[in-house]
């Protein structure tokens, strides 16, 4: 059986204090960091942990960010980067 690779839309947002927050739009999982790279890596770890716990507990894990909290809608000027997180389900 082949492994399944899941793909999740994510982004990095520049914060007023100079740091960066990161958000997975498909799972409503967030993290942060002092740099873009740190915020991205912290989000990847958070997403992996979130999926693993959800699967272990037999809970659904997809839950998109609501429109009223979606940075693409409410603060697009602060988005620094859009990227996809790839998660290999085994």
N, C-alpha and C. Protein backbone atom coordinates (compact mmCIF):
# COMPACT_ATOMS: atom_id res chain seq x y z
N UNK A 1 0.84 -1.18 0.00
CA UNK A 1 0.00 0.00 0.00
C UNK A 1 0.89 1.25 0.00
N UNK A 2 0.55 2.20 -0.83
CA UNK A 2 1.32 3.45 -0.91
C UNK A 2 0.95 4.38 0.23
N UNK A 3 1.94 5.16 0.67
CA UNK A 3 1.67 6.18 1.68
C UNK A 3 0.82 7.28 1.06
N UNK A 4 0.05 7.92 1.87
CA UNK A 4 -0.79 9.04 1.42
C UNK A 4 -0.13 10.33 1.86
N UNK A 5 -0.04 11.29 0.95
CA UNK A 5 0.54 12.58 1.29
C UNK A 5 -0.59 13.62 1.29
N UNK A 6 -0.77 14.23 2.44
CA UNK A 6 -1.78 15.28 2.60
C UNK A 6 -1.10 16.64 2.43
N UNK A 7 -1.82 17.59 1.86
CA UNK A 7 -1.27 18.92 1.62
C UNK A 7 -2.20 19.96 2.25
N UNK A 8 -1.59 20.88 3.02
CA UNK A 8 -2.36 21.88 3.74
C UNK A 8 -1.87 23.28 3.41
N UNK A 9 -2.80 24.18 3.10
CA UNK A 9 -2.48 25.58 2.80
C UNK A 9 -2.09 26.32 4.08
N UNK A 10 -0.98 27.04 4.01
CA UNK A 10 -0.46 27.73 5.18
C UNK A 10 0.11 29.08 4.78
N UNK A 11 0.32 29.93 5.79
CA UNK A 11 0.91 31.23 5.51
C UNK A 11 1.65 31.79 6.71
N UNK A 12 2.50 32.77 6.42
CA UNK A 12 3.27 33.49 7.43
C UNK A 12 2.79 34.93 7.43
N UNK A 13 2.58 35.46 8.63
CA UNK A 13 2.08 36.82 8.79
C UNK A 13 3.08 37.64 9.60
N UNK A 14 3.40 38.83 9.12
CA UNK A 14 4.28 39.75 9.84
C UNK A 14 3.48 40.41 10.94
N UNK A 15 4.00 40.33 12.17
CA UNK A 15 3.32 40.93 13.32
C UNK A 15 3.88 42.32 13.60
N UNK A 16 3.11 43.13 14.27
CA UNK A 16 3.52 44.51 14.57
C UNK A 16 4.78 44.57 15.43
N UNK A 17 4.99 43.58 16.29
CA UNK A 17 6.15 43.58 17.18
C UNK A 17 7.44 43.13 16.50
N UNK A 18 7.36 42.80 15.21
CA UNK A 18 8.53 42.39 14.46
C UNK A 18 8.66 40.89 14.30
N UNK A 19 7.89 40.12 15.04
CA UNK A 19 7.91 38.66 14.91
C UNK A 19 6.99 38.20 13.79
N UNK A 20 6.84 36.91 13.69
CA UNK A 20 6.02 36.31 12.64
C UNK A 20 5.10 35.26 13.25
N UNK A 21 3.88 35.23 12.79
CA UNK A 21 2.98 34.14 13.16
C UNK A 21 2.75 33.30 11.92
N UNK A 22 2.42 32.05 12.14
CA UNK A 22 2.18 31.12 11.03
C UNK A 22 0.85 30.44 11.29
N UNK A 23 0.15 30.14 10.21
CA UNK A 23 -1.20 29.59 10.33
C UNK A 23 -1.46 28.59 9.22
N UNK A 24 -1.96 27.43 9.60
CA UNK A 24 -2.42 26.43 8.63
C UNK A 24 -3.91 26.68 8.44
N UNK A 25 -4.28 27.15 7.26
CA UNK A 25 -5.66 27.54 6.98
C UNK A 25 -6.63 26.37 6.97
N UNK A 26 -6.15 25.18 6.63
CA UNK A 26 -7.03 24.02 6.52
C UNK A 26 -7.30 23.34 7.86
N UNK A 27 -6.43 23.58 8.85
CA UNK A 27 -6.57 22.91 10.13
C UNK A 27 -6.80 23.87 11.29
N UNK A 28 -6.65 25.17 11.05
CA UNK A 28 -6.75 26.19 12.09
C UNK A 28 -5.75 25.91 13.21
N UNK A 29 -4.53 25.60 12.80
CA UNK A 29 -3.41 25.40 13.73
C UNK A 29 -2.45 26.54 13.50
N UNK A 30 -1.94 27.13 14.59
CA UNK A 30 -1.08 28.30 14.48
C UNK A 30 0.19 28.13 15.31
N UNK A 31 1.20 28.91 14.96
CA UNK A 31 2.43 28.97 15.73
C UNK A 31 3.06 30.33 15.49
N UNK A 32 4.29 30.51 15.95
CA UNK A 32 4.97 31.79 15.76
C UNK A 32 6.47 31.59 15.84
N UNK A 33 7.21 32.64 15.47
CA UNK A 33 8.66 32.61 15.55
C UNK A 33 9.24 33.99 15.35
N UNK A 34 10.51 34.12 15.66
CA UNK A 34 11.20 35.40 15.49
C UNK A 34 11.55 35.68 14.04
N UNK A 35 11.66 34.62 13.23
CA UNK A 35 11.96 34.75 11.80
C UNK A 35 10.92 34.00 10.99
N UNK A 36 10.87 34.27 9.70
CA UNK A 36 9.95 33.55 8.81
C UNK A 36 10.22 32.06 8.87
N UNK A 37 11.49 31.68 8.78
CA UNK A 37 11.86 30.27 8.78
C UNK A 37 11.48 29.59 10.10
N UNK A 38 11.71 30.26 11.22
CA UNK A 38 11.35 29.69 12.52
C UNK A 38 9.83 29.53 12.64
N UNK A 39 9.07 30.53 12.20
CA UNK A 39 7.61 30.44 12.25
C UNK A 39 7.11 29.29 11.38
N UNK A 40 7.72 29.11 10.23
CA UNK A 40 7.32 28.02 9.33
C UNK A 40 7.64 26.66 9.96
N UNK A 41 8.84 26.50 10.47
CA UNK A 41 9.23 25.22 11.08
C UNK A 41 8.38 24.89 12.30
N UNK A 42 8.08 25.90 13.11
CA UNK A 42 7.25 25.67 14.29
C UNK A 42 5.83 25.25 13.89
N UNK A 43 5.31 25.83 12.80
CA UNK A 43 3.98 25.44 12.32
C UNK A 43 3.99 24.01 11.81
N UNK A 44 5.01 23.65 11.07
CA UNK A 44 5.09 22.27 10.56
C UNK A 44 5.06 21.28 11.72
N UNK A 45 5.83 21.55 12.77
CA UNK A 45 5.83 20.68 13.95
C UNK A 45 4.45 20.64 14.61
N UNK A 46 3.81 21.80 14.72
CA UNK A 46 2.49 21.87 15.35
C UNK A 46 1.46 21.08 14.54
N UNK A 47 1.51 21.20 13.22
CA UNK A 47 0.57 20.48 12.36
C UNK A 47 0.78 18.98 12.49
N UNK A 48 2.04 18.54 12.46
CA UNK A 48 2.33 17.11 12.59
C UNK A 48 1.80 16.57 13.91
N UNK A 49 2.05 17.29 14.99
CA UNK A 49 1.56 16.86 16.30
C UNK A 49 0.05 16.83 16.38
N UNK A 50 -0.57 17.85 15.83
CA UNK A 50 -2.03 17.94 15.82
C UNK A 50 -2.65 16.76 15.08
N UNK A 51 -2.10 16.44 13.91
CA UNK A 51 -2.65 15.32 13.12
C UNK A 51 -2.44 14.00 13.85
N UNK A 52 -1.24 13.80 14.40
CA UNK A 52 -0.96 12.54 15.09
C UNK A 52 -1.90 12.33 16.27
N UNK A 53 -2.13 13.35 17.07
CA UNK A 53 -3.04 13.24 18.22
C UNK A 53 -4.47 13.00 17.74
N UNK A 54 -4.89 13.72 16.71
CA UNK A 54 -6.25 13.56 16.19
C UNK A 54 -6.48 12.14 15.69
N UNK A 55 -5.50 11.61 14.96
CA UNK A 55 -5.63 10.25 14.43
C UNK A 55 -5.64 9.24 15.58
N UNK A 56 -4.72 9.39 16.53
CA UNK A 56 -4.67 8.47 17.68
C UNK A 56 -5.99 8.45 18.45
N UNK A 57 -6.62 9.61 18.55
CA UNK A 57 -7.88 9.72 19.30
C UNK A 57 -9.11 9.49 18.42
N UNK A 58 -8.85 9.18 17.15
CA UNK A 58 -9.93 8.93 16.17
C UNK A 58 -10.88 10.12 16.04
N UNK A 59 -10.29 11.31 16.01
CA UNK A 59 -11.06 12.54 15.85
C UNK A 59 -10.85 13.10 14.45
N UNK A 60 -11.83 13.79 13.89
CA UNK A 60 -11.60 14.48 12.61
C UNK A 60 -10.58 15.60 12.83
N UNK A 61 -9.75 15.84 11.84
CA UNK A 61 -8.72 16.87 12.04
C UNK A 61 -8.86 18.07 11.12
N UNK A 62 -9.65 17.99 10.09
CA UNK A 62 -9.79 19.17 9.23
C UNK A 62 -10.84 20.10 9.83
N UNK A 63 -10.46 21.35 9.92
CA UNK A 63 -11.36 22.40 10.42
C UNK A 63 -10.81 23.73 9.92
N UNK A 64 -11.29 24.18 8.79
CA UNK A 64 -10.76 25.41 8.18
C UNK A 64 -10.91 26.63 9.07
N UNK A 65 -10.01 27.56 8.90
CA UNK A 65 -10.07 28.84 9.60
C UNK A 65 -11.34 29.56 9.15
N UNK A 66 -12.14 30.07 10.08
CA UNK A 66 -13.35 30.80 9.68
C UNK A 66 -12.98 32.11 8.97
N UNK A 67 -13.84 32.56 8.09
CA UNK A 67 -13.58 33.77 7.31
C UNK A 67 -13.27 34.98 8.18
N UNK A 68 -13.92 35.10 9.33
CA UNK A 68 -13.71 36.28 10.17
C UNK A 68 -12.37 36.26 10.90
N UNK A 69 -11.61 35.17 10.76
CA UNK A 69 -10.28 35.07 11.35
C UNK A 69 -9.21 34.77 10.30
N UNK A 70 -9.60 34.75 9.04
CA UNK A 70 -8.69 34.38 7.96
C UNK A 70 -7.86 35.60 7.52
N UNK A 71 -6.54 35.55 7.73
CA UNK A 71 -5.69 36.68 7.33
C UNK A 71 -5.76 37.01 5.84
N UNK A 72 -6.06 36.04 5.01
CA UNK A 72 -6.19 36.33 3.58
C UNK A 72 -7.32 37.32 3.33
N UNK A 73 -8.30 37.33 4.21
CA UNK A 73 -9.46 38.21 4.07
C UNK A 73 -9.30 39.48 4.90
N UNK A 74 -8.85 39.33 6.16
CA UNK A 74 -8.87 40.48 7.07
C UNK A 74 -7.58 41.30 7.10
N UNK A 75 -6.45 40.72 6.71
CA UNK A 75 -5.20 41.49 6.72
C UNK A 75 -4.22 40.99 5.66
N UNK A 76 -4.63 40.96 4.40
CA UNK A 76 -3.76 40.42 3.35
C UNK A 76 -2.44 41.17 3.20
N UNK A 77 -2.41 42.45 3.59
CA UNK A 77 -1.18 43.24 3.46
C UNK A 77 -0.08 42.76 4.41
N UNK A 78 -0.41 41.98 5.44
CA UNK A 78 0.57 41.50 6.40
C UNK A 78 1.11 40.11 6.08
N UNK A 79 0.60 39.49 5.03
CA UNK A 79 1.05 38.14 4.66
C UNK A 79 2.39 38.26 3.95
N UNK A 80 3.37 37.52 4.48
CA UNK A 80 4.72 37.54 3.95
C UNK A 80 4.96 36.39 2.98
N UNK A 81 4.33 35.25 3.27
CA UNK A 81 4.58 34.06 2.46
C UNK A 81 3.41 33.11 2.55
N UNK A 82 3.10 32.48 1.42
CA UNK A 82 2.12 31.39 1.38
C UNK A 82 2.88 30.13 1.01
N UNK A 83 2.55 29.01 1.65
CA UNK A 83 3.24 27.75 1.36
C UNK A 83 2.32 26.59 1.71
N UNK A 84 2.70 25.41 1.28
CA UNK A 84 1.95 24.21 1.58
C UNK A 84 2.76 23.32 2.51
N UNK A 85 2.09 22.73 3.47
CA UNK A 85 2.70 21.74 4.33
C UNK A 85 2.31 20.38 3.78
N UNK A 86 3.28 19.52 3.58
CA UNK A 86 3.02 18.15 3.11
C UNK A 86 3.22 17.21 4.28
N UNK A 87 2.21 16.39 4.55
CA UNK A 87 2.25 15.44 5.65
C UNK A 87 2.08 14.05 5.07
N UNK A 88 3.02 13.18 5.36
CA UNK A 88 2.96 11.82 4.84
C UNK A 88 2.28 10.92 5.86
N UNK A 89 1.08 10.48 5.51
CA UNK A 89 0.32 9.57 6.37
C UNK A 89 0.75 8.15 6.05
N UNK A 90 1.02 7.39 7.08
CA UNK A 90 1.46 6.00 6.87
C UNK A 90 0.46 5.01 7.41
